[in-house]
Protein backbone atom coordinates (compact mmCIF):
# COMPACT_ATOMS: atom_id res chain seq x y z
CA UNK A 1 -19.63 23.31 -46.31
CA UNK A 2 -16.70 21.63 -48.22
CA UNK A 3 -15.85 18.56 -46.46
CA UNK A 4 -12.31 18.29 -48.06
CA UNK A 5 -11.52 21.65 -46.64
CA UNK A 6 -8.99 22.31 -43.74
CA UNK A 7 -11.58 24.35 -41.73
CA UNK A 8 -14.22 21.27 -42.04
CA UNK A 9 -11.24 18.71 -40.86
CA UNK A 10 -10.26 21.09 -37.92
CA UNK A 11 -13.95 21.79 -36.72
CA UNK A 12 -14.83 17.67 -37.24
CA UNK A 13 -11.97 16.74 -35.02
CA UNK A 14 -12.45 19.48 -32.26
CA UNK A 15 -15.96 18.05 -32.14
CA UNK A 16 -15.29 14.54 -31.99
CA UNK A 17 -12.56 15.37 -29.06
CA UNK A 18 -15.08 17.16 -27.11
CA UNK A 19 -17.78 14.22 -27.65
CA UNK A 20 -14.98 11.61 -26.55
CA UNK A 21 -13.91 13.76 -23.64
CA UNK A 22 -17.24 14.00 -22.16
CA UNK A 23 -17.94 10.24 -22.82
CA UNK A 24 -14.88 9.50 -20.72
CA UNK A 25 -15.58 12.15 -18.12
CA UNK A 26 -19.54 10.66 -17.84
CA UNK A 27 -17.96 6.82 -17.77
CA UNK A 28 -15.24 7.69 -15.21
CA UNK A 29 -17.82 9.50 -12.90
CA UNK A 30 -20.15 6.36 -13.41
CA UNK A 31 -17.71 4.01 -12.35
CA UNK A 32 -16.00 5.73 -9.66
CA UNK A 33 -18.27 4.74 -6.86
CA UNK A 34 -18.09 1.20 -8.20
CA UNK A 35 -14.24 1.45 -8.16
CA UNK A 36 -14.48 2.69 -4.79
CA UNK A 37 -16.27 0.13 -3.55
CA UNK A 38 -14.17 -2.55 -5.25
CA UNK A 39 -11.07 -1.21 -3.41
CA UNK A 40 -12.86 -1.26 -0.10
CA UNK A 41 -14.21 -5.08 -0.51
CA UNK A 42 -10.37 -5.87 -1.48
CA UNK A 43 -9.01 -4.27 1.80
CA UNK A 44 -11.58 -6.13 3.71
CA UNK A 45 -10.50 -9.57 2.12
CA UNK A 46 -6.78 -8.88 2.90
CA UNK A 47 -7.80 -8.03 6.52
CA UNK A 48 -9.85 -10.95 6.78
CA UNK A 49 -6.64 -13.05 5.03
CA UNK A 50 -4.45 -11.99 7.91
CA UNK A 51 -7.28 -13.60 10.35
CA UNK A 52 -6.72 -16.95 8.11
CA UNK A 53 -10.51 -16.19 6.81
CA UNK A 54 -9.82 -17.12 3.16
CA UNK A 55 -12.18 -18.38 0.34
CA UNK A 56 -15.26 -16.36 1.59
CA UNK A 57 -18.46 -16.43 -0.56
CA UNK A 58 -19.51 -12.93 0.90
CA UNK A 59 -16.56 -11.02 1.96
CA UNK A 60 -18.63 -8.01 3.44
CA UNK A 61 -20.67 -10.55 5.65
CA UNK A 62 -17.76 -12.33 6.71
CA UNK A 63 -16.14 -8.84 7.86
CA UNK A 64 -18.90 -7.84 9.84
CA UNK A 65 -18.69 -11.16 11.32
CA UNK A 66 -15.20 -11.34 12.28
CA UNK A 67 -14.36 -7.61 12.75
CA UNK A 68 -16.17 -6.14 15.50
CA UNK A 69 -14.82 -2.41 15.51
CA UNK A 70 -12.19 -0.24 13.61
CA UNK A 71 -10.72 1.40 16.30
CA UNK A 72 -8.19 4.53 16.69
CA UNK A 73 -5.10 4.15 18.82
CA UNK A 74 -4.78 7.36 21.14
CA UNK A 75 -0.95 8.40 22.26
CA UNK A 76 -1.49 6.72 25.85
CA UNK A 77 -2.40 3.40 23.98
CA UNK A 78 -6.16 3.72 24.68
CA UNK A 79 -8.55 2.88 21.97
CA UNK A 80 -11.53 5.25 20.54
CA UNK A 81 -13.83 3.88 18.15
CA UNK A 82 -13.34 5.33 14.44
CA UNK A 83 -16.49 7.06 13.19
CA UNK A 84 -15.48 7.87 9.69
CA UNK A 85 -15.44 6.40 6.41
CA UNK A 86 -13.77 3.23 6.02
CA UNK A 87 -10.16 3.77 5.15
CA UNK A 88 -8.33 1.73 2.48
CA UNK A 89 -5.08 3.89 2.52
CA UNK A 90 -3.49 3.56 5.89
CA UNK A 91 -0.13 5.07 5.12
CA UNK A 92 -1.71 8.36 4.08
CA UNK A 93 -4.34 7.94 6.85
CA UNK A 94 -1.56 8.27 9.21
CA UNK A 95 0.71 10.60 7.78
CA UNK A 96 -1.85 12.99 6.60
CA UNK A 97 -4.69 12.69 9.73
CA UNK A 98 -2.08 11.41 12.26
CA UNK A 99 -4.61 8.41 13.16
CA UNK A 100 -3.42 4.71 13.59
CA UNK A 101 -6.01 2.04 13.19
CA UNK A 102 -6.27 -1.31 15.11
CA UNK A 103 -9.23 -3.54 14.26
CA UNK A 104 -10.61 -5.51 17.10
CA UNK A 105 -11.92 -8.77 15.90
CA UNK A 106 -13.19 -11.93 17.20
CA UNK A 107 -12.47 -15.46 15.53
CA UNK A 108 -14.03 -18.65 16.98
CA UNK A 109 -14.81 -16.60 20.40
CA UNK A 110 -11.14 -15.28 20.77
CA UNK A 111 -10.55 -11.78 20.21
CA UNK A 112 -7.65 -10.49 17.78
CA UNK A 113 -6.15 -7.28 17.02
CA UNK A 114 -5.42 -6.49 13.20
CA UNK A 115 -2.65 -3.62 12.63
CA UNK A 116 -2.05 -2.33 9.02
CA UNK A 117 1.68 -1.92 8.13
CA UNK A 118 2.95 -0.09 5.16
CA UNK A 119 6.49 0.47 3.55
CA UNK A 120 8.52 0.12 0.57
CA UNK A 121 10.21 -2.81 -1.25
CA UNK A 122 12.69 -2.99 -4.20
CA UNK A 123 10.60 -1.58 -6.79
CA UNK A 124 7.64 0.10 -5.26
CA UNK A 125 5.28 0.02 -2.21
CA UNK A 126 4.58 -2.94 -0.07
CA UNK A 127 1.72 -3.44 2.69
CA UNK A 128 0.06 -5.37 5.05
CA UNK A 129 -1.91 -6.55 8.03
CA UNK A 130 -0.49 -8.36 11.11
CA UNK A 131 -3.37 -10.02 13.23
CA UNK A 132 -2.45 -10.31 17.01
CA UNK A 133 -3.61 -12.81 19.72
CA UNK A 134 -5.52 -11.12 22.92
CA UNK A 135 -2.05 -10.53 24.49
CA UNK A 136 -1.21 -8.11 21.66
CA UNK A 137 2.32 -9.72 21.31
CA UNK A 138 1.88 -13.20 19.84
CA UNK A 139 1.25 -13.31 15.87
CA UNK A 140 -1.94 -14.76 14.81
CA UNK A 141 -1.59 -14.56 11.28
CA UNK A 142 -0.38 -12.26 8.34
CA UNK A 143 -1.21 -10.59 5.26
CA UNK A 144 1.56 -8.80 3.04
CA UNK A 145 1.25 -7.76 -0.78
CA UNK A 146 3.36 -5.50 -3.08
CA UNK A 147 3.04 -3.31 -6.03
CA UNK A 148 5.84 -4.40 -8.45
CA UNK A 149 8.42 -6.76 -6.45
CA UNK A 150 10.21 -9.49 -8.76
CA UNK A 151 8.19 -12.46 -9.51
CA UNK A 152 10.17 -15.35 -7.51
CA UNK A 153 12.03 -13.09 -5.27
CA UNK A 154 10.55 -10.25 -3.50
CA UNK A 155 7.02 -10.85 -4.95
CA UNK A 156 7.30 -13.76 -2.30
CA UNK A 157 6.07 -11.96 0.58
CA UNK A 158 2.53 -12.39 -1.08
CA UNK A 159 2.69 -15.94 -0.72
CA UNK A 160 1.25 -18.05 2.16
CA UNK A 161 4.67 -19.98 2.85
CA UNK A 162 6.22 -16.73 4.06
CA UNK A 163 3.49 -15.33 5.45
CA UNK A 164 2.76 -18.32 7.55
CA UNK A 165 6.78 -18.23 9.18
CA UNK A 166 5.40 -15.42 11.32
CA UNK A 167 2.68 -17.08 13.18
CA UNK A 168 3.72 -17.62 16.71
CA UNK A 169 6.49 -15.15 16.46
CA UNK A 170 6.38 -12.22 19.35
CA UNK A 171 6.50 -8.91 18.31
CA UNK A 172 7.48 -6.69 21.54
CA UNK A 173 10.51 -7.34 23.65
CA UNK A 174 9.81 -4.85 26.50
CA UNK A 175 9.44 -1.72 24.99
CA UNK A 176 10.87 -2.09 21.47
CA UNK A 177 9.77 -3.85 18.47
CA UNK A 178 12.00 -6.96 18.51
CA UNK A 179 10.03 -8.73 15.60
CA UNK A 180 12.42 -8.96 12.51
CA UNK A 181 13.07 -10.42 9.22
CA UNK A 182 16.73 -11.48 9.01
CA UNK A 183 18.94 -12.98 6.21
CA UNK A 184 17.70 -16.38 4.90
CA UNK A 185 19.27 -19.22 6.87
CA UNK A 186 20.47 -16.58 9.69
CA UNK A 187 17.52 -16.80 12.34
CA UNK A 188 19.38 -16.78 15.52
CA UNK A 189 16.27 -16.08 17.96
CA UNK A 190 13.45 -17.77 16.66
CA UNK A 191 11.13 -16.25 18.99
CA UNK A 192 11.31 -12.92 17.03
CA UNK A 193 12.84 -13.69 13.78
CA UNK A 194 11.86 -14.76 10.48
CA UNK A 195 14.00 -16.11 7.66
CA UNK A 196 13.96 -13.47 4.59
CA UNK A 197 13.49 -14.38 0.97
CA UNK A 198 16.09 -15.96 -0.57
CA UNK A 199 17.60 -13.76 -3.39
CA UNK A 200 14.95 -10.99 -2.19
CA UNK A 201 17.17 -9.41 0.38
CA UNK A 202 16.18 -5.72 -0.62
CA UNK A 203 12.32 -6.45 -0.33
CA UNK A 204 12.87 -8.59 2.86
CA UNK A 205 14.54 -5.94 4.41
CA UNK A 206 11.69 -3.60 3.42
CA UNK A 207 9.27 -5.95 5.28
CA UNK A 208 11.79 -5.78 8.34
CA UNK A 209 11.84 -1.90 8.46
CA UNK A 210 7.76 -2.05 7.64
CA UNK A 211 7.16 -3.69 10.70
CA UNK A 212 9.53 -2.12 12.99
CA UNK A 213 8.13 1.14 11.57
CA UNK A 214 4.65 0.32 11.86
CA UNK A 215 4.41 -1.53 14.74
CA UNK A 216 6.59 0.86 16.62
CA UNK A 217 3.61 3.43 16.20
CA UNK A 218 1.54 1.21 18.41
CA UNK A 219 4.14 0.86 21.34
CA UNK A 220 1.86 1.93 24.01
CA UNK A 221 -1.10 0.19 22.85
CA UNK A 222 0.78 -3.29 22.72
CA UNK A 223 2.41 -3.03 25.91
CA UNK A 224 -0.62 -1.60 27.91
CA UNK A 225 -2.17 -4.91 29.62
């Protein structure tokens, strides 16, 4: 075959495209399980972080130690054990399967509940986990993260100094979610309110809406003693 002909060039390019596509598909298939496992492990680390468990050498072992069960909250507030595959996308789980998860945990002999939260910031998705004491109303710890908030502004929600502001705050006042993120320096009711991020008003408002919307899904559970 004439290697200088157009037909040779077309055939050669076509063969190379097929080979490269096959190799990419093979690599993607080979790594899919590993990628899924890494996402699952990262989710477990985030849940542990809300419980104040960080810098662990073996996150899987620590998760098994601190998290007793993954539960589903029924409409009447009762809990039933979740038996499916470990979930990493809780917004999708709630919207598509109508399942609200709560993790029942044990920290130094004390029962804690961890609730996933999700919402939108200025530039994209925000999410996190809120750990509650056994009274289901006092915040034990939080973890928040984001997809694309502005460094030094909205991205501050992912830093410990912001997350620590929630510790000791109360979630419910009667049948309503009273936990709020307010404009920086405008806290009037410290039992329920947290200072927002200076210069990150829209992201702060996003966290406020995220907490109210998501915690509101658990009203029956949180108010049933």
